[in-house]
PDB file of all heavy atoms in Angstrom:
ATOM      1  N   ASN A   1       3.411 -15.233  -3.215  1.00  0.00           N
ATOM      2  CA  ASN A   1       3.672 -16.101  -2.070  1.00  0.00           C
ATOM      3  C   ASN A   1       4.765 -15.558  -1.156  1.00  0.00           C
ATOM      4  O   ASN A   1       5.162 -16.215  -0.197  1.00  0.00           O
ATOM      5  CB  ASN A   1       4.041 -17.510  -2.540  1.00  0.00           C
ATOM      6  CG  ASN A   1       5.314 -17.522  -3.383  1.00  0.00           C
ATOM      7  OD1 ASN A   1       5.788 -16.460  -3.799  1.00  0.00           O
ATOM      8  ND2 ASN A   1       5.867 -18.698  -3.629  1.00  0.00           N
ATOM      9  N   ASP A   2       5.262 -14.360  -1.444  1.00  0.00           N
ATOM     10  CA  ASP A   2       6.283 -13.732  -0.613  1.00  0.00           C
ATOM     11  C   ASP A   2       5.585 -12.913   0.482  1.00  0.00           C
ATOM     12  O   ASP A   2       5.279 -11.739   0.299  1.00  0.00           O
ATOM     13  CB  ASP A   2       7.192 -12.844  -1.471  1.00  0.00           C
ATOM     14  CG  ASP A   2       8.411 -12.345  -0.711  1.00  0.00           C
ATOM     15  OD1 ASP A   2       8.370 -12.339   0.528  1.00  0.00           O
ATOM     16  OD2 ASP A   2       9.399 -11.954  -1.357  1.00  0.00           O
ATOM     17  N   SER A   3       5.331 -13.553   1.622  1.00  0.00           N
ATOM     18  CA  SER A   3       4.600 -12.898   2.705  1.00  0.00           C
ATOM     19  C   SER A   3       5.328 -11.663   3.214  1.00  0.00           C
ATOM     20  O   SER A   3       4.702 -10.649   3.573  1.00  0.00           O
ATOM     21  CB  SER A   3       4.382 -13.880   3.869  1.00  0.00           C
ATOM     22  OG  SER A   3       3.579 -14.957   3.471  1.00  0.00           O
ATOM     23  N   GLN A   4       6.640 -11.724   3.239  1.00  0.00           N
ATOM     24  CA  GLN A   4       7.439 -10.612   3.742  1.00  0.00           C
ATOM     25  C   GLN A   4       7.265  -9.383   2.858  1.00  0.00           C
ATOM     26  O   GLN A   4       7.089  -8.254   3.347  1.00  0.00           O
ATOM     27  CB  GLN A   4       8.907 -11.035   3.781  1.00  0.00           C
ATOM     28  CG  GLN A   4       9.763 -10.249   4.740  1.00  0.00           C
ATOM     29  CD  GLN A   4      11.153 -10.854   4.832  1.00  0.00           C
ATOM     30  OE1 GLN A   4      11.844 -11.013   3.811  1.00  0.00           O
ATOM     31  NE2 GLN A   4      11.574 -11.203   6.024  1.00  0.00           N
ATOM     32  N   ALA A   5       7.293  -9.601   1.548  1.00  0.00           N
ATOM     33  CA  ALA A   5       7.178  -8.489   0.608  1.00  0.00           C
ATOM     34  C   ALA A   5       5.767  -7.901   0.619  1.00  0.00           C
ATOM     35  O   ALA A   5       5.598  -6.677   0.588  1.00  0.00           O
ATOM     36  CB  ALA A   5       7.554  -8.941  -0.796  1.00  0.00           C
ATOM     37  N   ILE A   6       4.733  -8.752   0.674  1.00  0.00           N
ATOM     38  CA  ILE A   6       3.366  -8.246   0.668  1.00  0.00           C
ATOM     39  C   ILE A   6       3.089  -7.470   1.948  1.00  0.00           C
ATOM     40  O   ILE A   6       2.431  -6.423   1.940  1.00  0.00           O
ATOM     41  CB  ILE A   6       2.339  -9.386   0.482  1.00  0.00           C
ATOM     42  CG1 ILE A   6       0.934  -8.822   0.235  1.00  0.00           C
ATOM     43  CG2 ILE A   6       2.303 -10.317   1.662  1.00  0.00           C
ATOM     44  CD1 ILE A   6       0.734  -8.218  -1.107  1.00  0.00           C
ATOM     45  N   ARG A   7       3.619  -7.947   3.068  1.00  0.00           N
ATOM     46  CA  ARG A   7       3.414  -7.237   4.328  1.00  0.00           C
ATOM     47  C   ARG A   7       4.108  -5.873   4.289  1.00  0.00           C
ATOM     48  O   ARG A   7       3.563  -4.878   4.754  1.00  0.00           O
ATOM     49  CB  ARG A   7       3.945  -8.063   5.503  1.00  0.00           C
ATOM     50  CG  ARG A   7       3.720  -7.397   6.855  1.00  0.00           C
ATOM     51  CD  ARG A   7       4.158  -8.305   7.997  1.00  0.00           C
ATOM     52  NE  ARG A   7       3.950  -7.630   9.279  1.00  0.00           N
ATOM     53  CZ  ARG A   7       4.833  -6.833   9.847  1.00  0.00           C
ATOM     54  NH1 ARG A   7       5.983  -6.600   9.248  1.00  0.00           N
ATOM     55  NH2 ARG A   7       4.570  -6.263  11.008  1.00  0.00           N
ATOM     56  N   ALA A   8       5.305  -5.824   3.720  1.00  0.00           N
ATOM     57  CA  ALA A   8       6.028  -4.561   3.625  1.00  0.00           C
ATOM     58  C   ALA A   8       5.277  -3.564   2.748  1.00  0.00           C
ATOM     59  O   ALA A   8       5.227  -2.365   3.050  1.00  0.00           O
ATOM     60  CB  ALA A   8       7.433  -4.801   3.074  1.00  0.00           C
ATOM     61  N   LEU A   9       4.661  -4.042   1.662  1.00  0.00           N
ATOM     62  CA  LEU A   9       3.897  -3.150   0.795  1.00  0.00           C
ATOM     63  C   LEU A   9       2.626  -2.675   1.500  1.00  0.00           C
ATOM     64  O   LEU A   9       2.201  -1.529   1.316  1.00  0.00           O
ATOM     65  CB  LEU A   9       3.552  -3.856  -0.519  1.00  0.00           C
ATOM     66  CG  LEU A   9       2.902  -2.987  -1.603  1.00  0.00           C
ATOM     67  CD1 LEU A   9       3.762  -1.769  -1.916  1.00  0.00           C
ATOM     68  CD2 LEU A   9       2.646  -3.798  -2.866  1.00  0.00           C
ATOM     69  N   VAL A  10       2.039  -3.538   2.317  1.00  0.00           N
ATOM     70  CA  VAL A  10       0.884  -3.131   3.114  1.00  0.00           C
ATOM     71  C   VAL A  10       1.279  -2.021   4.088  1.00  0.00           C
ATOM     72  O   VAL A  10       0.554  -1.040   4.270  1.00  0.00           O
ATOM     73  CB  VAL A  10       0.285  -4.331   3.875  1.00  0.00           C
ATOM     74  CG1 VAL A  10      -0.679  -3.859   4.965  1.00  0.00           C
ATOM     75  CG2 VAL A  10      -0.439  -5.256   2.918  1.00  0.00           C
ATOM     76  N   LEU A  11       2.436  -2.160   4.728  1.00  0.00           N
ATOM     77  CA  LEU A  11       2.921  -1.129   5.640  1.00  0.00           C
ATOM     78  C   LEU A  11       3.080   0.196   4.900  1.00  0.00           C
ATOM     79  O   LEU A  11       2.690   1.260   5.398  1.00  0.00           O
ATOM     80  CB  LEU A  11       4.263  -1.537   6.246  1.00  0.00           C
ATOM     81  CG  LEU A  11       4.292  -2.773   7.152  1.00  0.00           C
ATOM     82  CD1 LEU A  11       5.687  -2.972   7.731  1.00  0.00           C
ATOM     83  CD2 LEU A  11       3.279  -2.661   8.266  1.00  0.00           C
ATOM     84  N   GLU A  12       3.660   0.134   3.703  1.00  0.00           N
ATOM     85  CA  GLU A  12       3.854   1.344   2.913  1.00  0.00           C
ATOM     86  C   GLU A  12       2.512   1.982   2.556  1.00  0.00           C
ATOM     87  O   GLU A  12       2.332   3.200   2.647  1.00  0.00           O
ATOM     88  CB  GLU A  12       4.642   1.020   1.649  1.00  0.00           C
ATOM     89  CG  GLU A  12       5.042   2.229   0.832  1.00  0.00           C
ATOM     90  CD  GLU A  12       5.987   1.892  -0.308  1.00  0.00           C
ATOM     91  OE1 GLU A  12       6.214   0.699  -0.562  1.00  0.00           O
ATOM     92  OE2 GLU A  12       6.483   2.838  -0.939  1.00  0.00           O
ATOM     93  N   LEU A  13       1.543   1.142   2.161  1.00  0.00           N
ATOM     94  CA  LEU A  13       0.209   1.636   1.809  1.00  0.00           C
ATOM     95  C   LEU A  13      -0.438   2.347   2.993  1.00  0.00           C
ATOM     96  O   LEU A  13      -0.974   3.457   2.865  1.00  0.00           O
ATOM     97  CB  LEU A  13      -0.662   0.470   1.346  1.00  0.00           C
ATOM     98  CG  LEU A  13      -2.161   0.760   1.188  1.00  0.00           C
ATOM     99  CD1 LEU A  13      -2.392   1.830   0.123  1.00  0.00           C
ATOM    100  CD2 LEU A  13      -2.918  -0.517   0.855  1.00  0.00           C
ATOM    101  N   LYS A  14      -0.390   1.723   4.160  1.00  0.00           N
ATOM    102  CA  LYS A  14      -1.069   2.309   5.320  1.00  0.00           C
ATOM    103  C   LYS A  14      -0.378   3.591   5.785  1.00  0.00           C
ATOM    104  O   LYS A  14      -1.043   4.548   6.208  1.00  0.00           O
ATOM    105  CB  LYS A  14      -1.147   1.283   6.446  1.00  0.00           C
ATOM    106  CG  LYS A  14      -2.127   0.147   6.135  1.00  0.00           C
ATOM    107  CD  LYS A  14      -2.563  -0.587   7.374  1.00  0.00           C
ATOM    108  CE  LYS A  14      -3.696  -1.545   7.068  1.00  0.00           C
ATOM    109  NZ  LYS A  14      -4.214  -2.211   8.275  1.00  0.00           N
ATOM    110  N   ILE A  15       0.937   3.624   5.694  1.00  0.00           N
ATOM    111  CA  ILE A  15       1.645   4.862   6.046  1.00  0.00           C
ATOM    112  C   ILE A  15       1.224   5.980   5.099  1.00  0.00           C
ATOM    113  O   ILE A  15       0.941   7.106   5.526  1.00  0.00           O
ATOM    114  CB  ILE A  15       3.164   4.648   6.008  1.00  0.00           C
ATOM    115  CG1 ILE A  15       3.619   3.784   7.190  1.00  0.00           C
ATOM    116  CG2 ILE A  15       3.902   5.988   6.030  1.00  0.00           C
ATOM    117  CD1 ILE A  15       5.075   3.387   7.145  1.00  0.00           C
ATOM    118  N   MET A  16       1.157   5.682   3.797  1.00  0.00           N
ATOM    119  CA  MET A  16       0.802   6.709   2.826  1.00  0.00           C
ATOM    120  C   MET A  16      -0.641   7.189   3.008  1.00  0.00           C
ATOM    121  O   MET A  16      -0.944   8.372   2.815  1.00  0.00           O
ATOM    122  CB  MET A  16       1.011   6.187   1.401  1.00  0.00           C
ATOM    123  CG  MET A  16       2.463   5.901   1.074  1.00  0.00           C
ATOM    124  SD  MET A  16       2.719   5.423  -0.645  1.00  0.00           S
ATOM    125  CE  MET A  16       2.642   7.022  -1.440  1.00  0.00           C
ATOM    126  N   ILE A  17      -1.544   6.292   3.386  1.00  0.00           N
ATOM    127  CA  ILE A  17      -2.939   6.670   3.617  1.00  0.00           C
ATOM    128  C   ILE A  17      -3.037   7.718   4.717  1.00  0.00           C
ATOM    129  O   ILE A  17      -3.762   8.710   4.602  1.00  0.00           O
ATOM    130  CB  ILE A  17      -3.776   5.425   3.985  1.00  0.00           C
ATOM    131  CG1 ILE A  17      -4.060   4.593   2.730  1.00  0.00           C
ATOM    132  CG2 ILE A  17      -5.091   5.825   4.661  1.00  0.00           C
ATOM    133  CD1 ILE A  17      -4.750   3.266   3.013  1.00  0.00           C
ATOM    134  N   HIS A  18      -2.298   7.495   5.800  1.00  0.00           N
ATOM    135  CA  HIS A  18      -2.408   8.368   6.972  1.00  0.00           C
ATOM    136  C   HIS A  18      -1.391   9.505   6.960  1.00  0.00           C
ATOM    137  O   HIS A  18      -1.419  10.363   7.838  1.00  0.00           O
ATOM    138  CB  HIS A  18      -2.266   7.533   8.242  1.00  0.00           C
ATOM    139  CG  HIS A  18      -3.374   6.540   8.411  1.00  0.00           C
ATOM    140  ND1 HIS A  18      -4.575   6.864   8.998  1.00  0.00           N
ATOM    141  CD2 HIS A  18      -3.474   5.238   8.039  1.00  0.00           C
ATOM    142  CE1 HIS A  18      -5.366   5.799   8.991  1.00  0.00           C
ATOM    143  NE2 HIS A  18      -4.719   4.796   8.419  1.00  0.00           N
ATOM    144  N   LEU A  19      -0.519   9.509   5.964  1.00  0.00           N
ATOM    145  CA  LEU A  19       0.521  10.529   5.877  1.00  0.00           C
ATOM    146  C   LEU A  19      -0.023  11.889   5.487  1.00  0.00           C
ATOM    147  O   LEU A  19       0.416  12.928   5.988  1.00  0.00           O
ATOM    148  CB  LEU A  19       1.584  10.089   4.861  1.00  0.00           C
ATOM    149  CG  LEU A  19       2.688  11.072   4.520  1.00  0.00           C
ATOM    150  CD1 LEU A  19       3.570  11.316   5.740  1.00  0.00           C
ATOM    151  CD2 LEU A  19       3.533  10.545   3.358  1.00  0.00           C
ATOM    152  N   GLY A  20      -0.999  11.917   4.581  1.00  0.00           N
ATOM    153  CA  GLY A  20      -1.452  13.177   4.007  1.00  0.00           C
ATOM    154  C   GLY A  20      -0.711  13.457   2.710  1.00  0.00           C
ATOM    155  O   GLY A  20       0.081  12.644   2.230  1.00  0.00           O
ATOM    156  N   GLN A  21      -0.961  14.626   2.129  1.00  0.00           N
ATOM    157  CA  GLN A  21      -0.443  14.976   0.807  1.00  0.00           C
ATOM    158  C   GLN A  21       0.614  16.065   0.902  1.00  0.00           C
ATOM    159  O   GLN A  21       0.530  16.957   1.751  1.00  0.00           O
ATOM    160  CB  GLN A  21      -1.600  15.467  -0.073  1.00  0.00           C
ATOM    161  CG  GLN A  21      -2.762  14.511  -0.175  1.00  0.00           C
ATOM    162  CD  GLN A  21      -2.564  13.443  -1.222  1.00  0.00           C
ATOM    163  OE1 GLN A  21      -2.194  13.730  -2.357  1.00  0.00           O
ATOM    164  NE2 GLN A  21      -2.821  12.202  -0.869  1.00  0.00           N
ATOM    165  N   HIS A  22       1.594  15.990   0.009  1.00  0.00           N
ATOM    166  CA  HIS A  22       2.624  17.037  -0.053  1.00  0.00           C
ATOM    167  C   HIS A  22       3.225  17.060  -1.451  1.00  0.00           C
ATOM    168  O   HIS A  22       3.356  16.027  -2.112  1.00  0.00           O
ATOM    169  CB  HIS A  22       3.724  16.782   0.976  1.00  0.00           C
ATOM    170  CG  HIS A  22       4.629  17.964   1.198  1.00  0.00           C
ATOM    171  ND1 HIS A  22       5.719  18.230   0.386  1.00  0.00           N
ATOM    172  CD2 HIS A  22       4.600  18.972   2.121  1.00  0.00           C
ATOM    173  CE1 HIS A  22       6.327  19.325   0.807  1.00  0.00           C
ATOM    174  NE2 HIS A  22       5.671  19.797   1.850  1.00  0.00           N
ATOM    175  N   LEU A  23       3.607  18.249  -1.895  1.00  0.00           N
ATOM    176  CA  LEU A  23       4.191  18.423  -3.221  1.00  0.00           C
ATOM    177  C   LEU A  23       5.407  17.542  -3.435  1.00  0.00           C
ATOM    178  O   LEU A  23       5.595  16.982  -4.521  1.00  0.00           O
ATOM    179  CB  LEU A  23       4.583  19.900  -3.415  1.00  0.00           C
ATOM    180  CG  LEU A  23       5.348  20.250  -4.694  1.00  0.00           C
ATOM    181  CD1 LEU A  23       4.438  20.122  -5.917  1.00  0.00           C
ATOM    182  CD2 LEU A  23       5.920  21.660  -4.605  1.00  0.00           C
ATOM    183  N   ASN A  24       6.255  17.411  -2.416  1.00  0.00           N
ATOM    184  CA  ASN A  24       7.548  16.751  -2.584  1.00  0.00           C
ATOM    185  C   ASN A  24       7.573  15.304  -2.107  1.00  0.00           C
ATOM    186  O   ASN A  24       8.620  14.765  -1.765  1.00  0.00           O
ATOM    187  CB  ASN A  24       8.635  17.560  -1.878  1.00  0.00           C
ATOM    188  CG  ASN A  24       8.764  18.958  -2.439  1.00  0.00           C
ATOM    189  OD1 ASN A  24       8.652  19.928  -1.708  1.00  0.00           O
ATOM    190  ND2 ASN A  24       8.969  19.077  -3.745  1.00  0.00           N
ATOM    191  N   VAL A  25       6.393  14.699  -2.086  1.00  0.00           N
ATOM    192  CA  VAL A  25       6.261  13.279  -1.759  1.00  0.00           C
ATOM    193  C   VAL A  25       5.422  12.639  -2.862  1.00  0.00           C
ATOM    194  O   VAL A  25       4.463  13.248  -3.348  1.00  0.00           O
ATOM    195  CB  VAL A  25       5.584  13.095  -0.388  1.00  0.00           C
ATOM    196  CG1 VAL A  25       5.177  11.652  -0.159  1.00  0.00           C
ATOM    197  CG2 VAL A  25       6.504  13.558   0.736  1.00  0.00           C
ATOM    198  N   VAL A  26       5.767  11.422  -3.279  1.00  0.00           N
ATOM    199  CA  VAL A  26       4.924  10.709  -4.229  1.00  0.00           C
ATOM    200  C   VAL A  26       3.640  10.327  -3.495  1.00  0.00           C
ATOM    201  O   VAL A  26       3.665   9.545  -2.539  1.00  0.00           O
ATOM    202  CB  VAL A  26       5.633   9.454  -4.777  1.00  0.00           C
ATOM    203  CG1 VAL A  26       4.668   8.645  -5.647  1.00  0.00           C
ATOM    204  CG2 VAL A  26       6.849   9.850  -5.595  1.00  0.00           C
ATOM    205  N   ASN A  27       2.524  10.875  -3.931  1.00  0.00           N
ATOM    206  CA  ASN A  27       1.274  10.733  -3.192  1.00  0.00           C
ATOM    207  C   ASN A  27       0.455   9.533  -3.644  1.00  0.00           C
ATOM    208  O   ASN A  27       0.491   9.133  -4.809  1.00  0.00           O
ATOM    209  CB  ASN A  27       0.444  12.015  -3.344  1.00  0.00           C
ATOM    210  CG  ASN A  27       1.106  13.202  -2.673  1.00  0.00           C
ATOM    211  OD1 ASN A  27       1.165  13.280  -1.458  1.00  0.00           O
ATOM    212  ND2 ASN A  27       1.628  14.128  -3.476  1.00  0.00           N
ATOM    213  N   LEU A  28      -0.282   8.991  -2.692  1.00  0.00           N
ATOM    214  CA  LEU A  28      -1.159   7.851  -2.952  1.00  0.00           C
ATOM    215  C   LEU A  28      -2.429   8.328  -3.640  1.00  0.00           C
ATOM    216  O   LEU A  28      -3.051   9.301  -3.206  1.00  0.00           O
ATOM    217  CB  LEU A  28      -1.503   7.161  -1.626  1.00  0.00           C
ATOM    218  CG  LEU A  28      -2.453   5.971  -1.700  1.00  0.00           C
ATOM    219  CD1 LEU A  28      -1.773   4.795  -2.386  1.00  0.00           C
ATOM    220  CD2 LEU A  28      -2.916   5.579  -0.298  1.00  0.00           C
ATOM    221  N   LEU A  29      -2.831   7.625  -4.710  1.00  0.00           N
ATOM    222  CA  LEU A  29      -4.071   7.943  -5.409  1.00  0.00           C
ATOM    223  C   LEU A  29      -5.155   6.909  -5.141  1.00  0.00           C
ATOM    224  O   LEU A  29      -6.342   7.233  -5.155  1.00  0.00           O
ATOM    225  CB  LEU A  29      -3.818   8.044  -6.922  1.00  0.00           C
ATOM    226  CG  LEU A  29      -2.831   9.118  -7.373  1.00  0.00           C
ATOM    227  CD1 LEU A  29      -2.657   9.074  -8.886  1.00  0.00           C
ATOM    228  CD2 LEU A  29      -3.271  10.499  -6.928  1.00  0.00           C
ATOM    229  N   GLY A  30      -4.761   5.666  -4.915  1.00  0.00           N
ATOM    230  CA  GLY A  30      -5.743   4.614  -4.682  1.00  0.00           C
ATOM    231  C   GLY A  30      -5.057   3.280  -4.450  1.00  0.00           C
ATOM    232  O   GLY A  30      -3.825   3.176  -4.456  1.00  0.00           O
ATOM    233  N   ALA A  31      -5.887   2.255  -4.256  1.00  0.00           N
ATOM    234  CA  ALA A  31      -5.349   0.905  -4.034  1.00  0.00           C
ATOM    235  C   ALA A  31      -6.394  -0.118  -4.442  1.00  0.00           C
ATOM    236  O   ALA A  31      -7.598   0.150  -4.410  1.00  0.00           O
ATOM    237  CB  ALA A  31      -4.969   0.717  -2.566  1.00  0.00           C
ATOM    238  N   VAL A  32      -5.927  -1.286  -4.836  1.00  0.00           N
ATOM    239  CA  VAL A  32      -6.799  -2.418  -5.142  1.00  0.00           C
ATOM    240  C   VAL A  32      -6.499  -3.499  -4.116  1.00  0.00           C
ATOM    241  O   VAL A  32      -5.415  -4.092  -4.120  1.00  0.00           O
ATOM    242  CB  VAL A  32      -6.566  -2.944  -6.572  1.00  0.00           C
ATOM    243  CG1 VAL A  32      -7.489  -4.129  -6.857  1.00  0.00           C
ATOM    244  CG2 VAL A  32      -6.785  -1.840  -7.601  1.00  0.00           C
ATOM    245  N   THR A  33      -7.463  -3.738  -3.226  1.00  0.00           N
ATOM    246  CA  THR A  33      -7.225  -4.677  -2.115  1.00  0.00           C
ATOM    247  C   THR A  33      -8.273  -5.779  -2.046  1.00  0.00           C
ATOM    248  O   THR A  33      -8.290  -6.554  -1.093  1.00  0.00           O
ATOM    249  CB  THR A  33      -7.221  -3.925  -0.775  1.00  0.00           C
ATOM    250  OG1 THR A  33      -8.548  -3.483  -0.471  1.00  0.00           O
ATOM    251  CG2 THR A  33      -6.283  -2.723  -0.819  1.00  0.00           C
ATOM    252  N   THR A  34      -9.167  -5.862  -3.034  1.00  0.00           N
ATOM    253  CA  THR A  34     -10.283  -6.812  -2.957  1.00  0.00           C
ATOM    254  C   THR A  34      -9.814  -8.254  -2.840  1.00  0.00           C
ATOM    255  O   THR A  34     -10.513  -9.092  -2.281  1.00  0.00           O
ATOM    256  CB  THR A  34     -11.203  -6.663  -4.188  1.00  0.00           C
ATOM    257  OG1 THR A  34     -10.398  -6.679  -5.373  1.00  0.00           O
ATOM    258  CG2 THR A  34     -11.975  -5.362  -4.118  1.00  0.00           C
ATOM    259  N   ASN A  35      -8.630  -8.546  -3.375  1.00  0.00           N
ATOM    260  CA  ASN A  35      -8.088  -9.910  -3.292  1.00  0.00           C
ATOM    261  C   ASN A  35      -6.879  -9.983  -2.371  1.00  0.00           C
ATOM    262  O   ASN A  35      -5.963 -10.764  -2.595  1.00  0.00           O
ATOM    263  CB  ASN A  35      -7.707 -10.426  -4.689  1.00  0.00           C
ATOM    264  CG  ASN A  35      -8.931 -10.752  -5.523  1.00  0.00           C
ATOM    265  OD1 ASN A  35      -9.923 -11.251  -5.014  1.00  0.00           O
ATOM    266  ND2 ASN A  35      -8.862 -10.453  -6.812  1.00  0.00           N
ATOM    267  N   ILE A  36      -6.893  -9.146  -1.331  1.00  0.00           N
ATOM    268  CA  ILE A  36      -5.759  -9.122  -0.410  1.00  0.00           C
ATOM    269  C   ILE A  36      -5.577 -10.478   0.257  1.00  0.00           C
ATOM    270  O   ILE A  36      -4.451 -10.876   0.584  1.00  0.00           O
ATOM    271  CB  ILE A  36      -5.947  -8.008   0.650  1.00  0.00           C
ATOM    272  CG1 ILE A  36      -4.674  -7.819   1.471  1.00  0.00           C
ATOM    273  CG2 ILE A  36      -7.128  -8.288   1.542  1.00  0.00           C
ATOM    274  CD1 ILE A  36      -3.541  -7.187   0.729  1.00  0.00           C
ATOM    275  N   ALA A  37      -6.680 -11.234   0.466  1.00  0.00           N
ATOM    276  CA  ALA A  37      -6.572 -12.558   1.072  1.00  0.00           C
ATOM    277  C   ALA A  37      -5.778 -13.512   0.193  1.00  0.00           C
ATOM    278  O   ALA A  37      -5.184 -14.472   0.681  1.00  0.00           O
ATOM    279  CB  ALA A  37      -7.959 -13.127   1.361  1.00  0.00           C
ATOM    280  N   LYS A  38      -5.792 -13.236  -1.114  1.00  0.00           N
ATOM    281  CA  LYS A  38      -4.994 -14.046  -2.047  1.00  0.00           C
ATOM    282  C   LYS A  38      -3.647 -13.390  -2.319  1.00  0.00           C
ATOM    283  O   LYS A  38      -2.962 -13.732  -3.267  1.00  0.00           O
ATOM    284  CB  LYS A  38      -5.762 -14.215  -3.358  1.00  0.00           C
ATOM    285  CG  LYS A  38      -7.070 -14.972  -3.197  1.00  0.00           C
ATOM    286  CD  LYS A  38      -7.798 -15.090  -4.537  1.00  0.00           C
ATOM    287  CE  LYS A  38      -9.125 -15.818  -4.367  1.00  0.00           C
ATOM    288  NZ  LYS A  38      -9.870 -15.923  -5.659  1.00  0.00           N
ATOM    289  N   ARG A  39      -3.321 -12.414  -1.450  1.00  0.00           N
ATOM    290  CA  ARG A  39      -2.032 -11.709  -1.501  1.00  0.00           C
ATOM    291  C   ARG A  39      -1.860 -10.918  -2.798  1.00  0.00           C
ATOM    292  O   ARG A  39      -0.756 -10.774  -3.322  1.00  0.00           O
ATOM    293  CB  ARG A  39      -0.872 -12.676  -1.299  1.00  0.00           C
ATOM    294  CG  ARG A  39      -1.002 -13.483  -0.015  1.00  0.00           C
ATOM    295  CD  ARG A  39       0.221 -14.305   0.260  1.00  0.00           C
ATOM    296  NE  ARG A  39      -0.020 -15.182   1.405  1.00  0.00           N
ATOM    297  CZ  ARG A  39       0.932 -15.888   1.995  1.00  0.00           C
ATOM    298  NH1 ARG A  39       2.170 -15.817   1.555  1.00  0.00           N
ATOM    299  NH2 ARG A  39       0.650 -16.666   3.015  1.00  0.00           N
ATOM    300  N   GLU A  40      -2.965 -10.432  -3.312  1.00  0.00           N
ATOM    301  CA  GLU A  40      -2.919  -9.544  -4.471  1.00  0.00           C
ATOM    302  C   GLU A  40      -3.171  -8.127  -3.989  1.00  0.00           C
ATOM    303  O   GLU A  40      -4.228  -7.832  -3.435  1.00  0.00           O
ATOM    304  CB  GLU A  40      -3.962  -9.943  -5.511  1.00  0.00           C
ATOM    305  CG  GLU A  40      -3.941  -9.038  -6.743  1.00  0.00           C
ATOM    306  CD  GLU A  40      -4.954  -9.462  -7.790  1.00  0.00           C
ATOM    307  OE1 GLU A  40      -4.751 -10.521  -8.403  1.00  0.00           O
ATOM    308  OE2 GLU A  40      -5.953  -8.736  -7.964  1.00  0.00           O
ATOM    309  N   LEU A  41      -2.204  -7.253  -4.183  1.00  0.00           N
ATOM    310  CA  LEU A  41      -2.305  -5.864  -3.724  1.00  0.00           C
ATOM    311  C   LEU A  41      -1.703  -4.946  -4.774  1.00  0.00           C
ATOM    312  O   LEU A  41      -0.601  -5.197  -5.273  1.00  0.00           O
ATOM    313  CB  LEU A  41      -1.572  -5.691  -2.388  1.00  0.00           C
ATOM    314  CG  LEU A  41      -1.443  -4.265  -1.858  1.00  0.00           C
ATOM    315  CD1 LEU A  41      -2.810  -3.668  -1.570  1.00  0.00           C
ATOM    316  CD2 LEU A  41      -0.569  -4.236  -0.603  1.00  0.00           C
ATOM    317  N   MET A  42      -2.420  -3.883  -5.102  1.00  0.00           N
ATOM    318  CA  MET A  42      -1.926  -2.877  -6.032  1.00  0.00           C
ATOM    319  C   MET A  42      -1.987  -1.519  -5.353  1.00  0.00           C
ATOM    320  O   MET A  42      -3.040  -1.123  -4.853  1.00  0.00           O
ATOM    321  CB  MET A  42      -2.759  -2.850  -7.321  1.00  0.00           C
ATOM    322  CG  MET A  42      -2.749  -4.152  -8.087  1.00  0.00           C
ATOM    323  SD  MET A  42      -3.762  -4.063  -9.577  1.00  0.00           S
ATOM    324  CE  MET A  42      -3.689  -5.777 -10.128  1.00  0.00           C
TER     325      MET A  42
END
């Protein structure tokens, strides 16, 4: 129910998606967004 925190994690997810890959960055492997409407995001 923390809208601020879920939105911030969404921002992080979208930045990582469009960032690309690099050795010295923790890279994105995937995400679970099927229940994003219920504010469930992994």
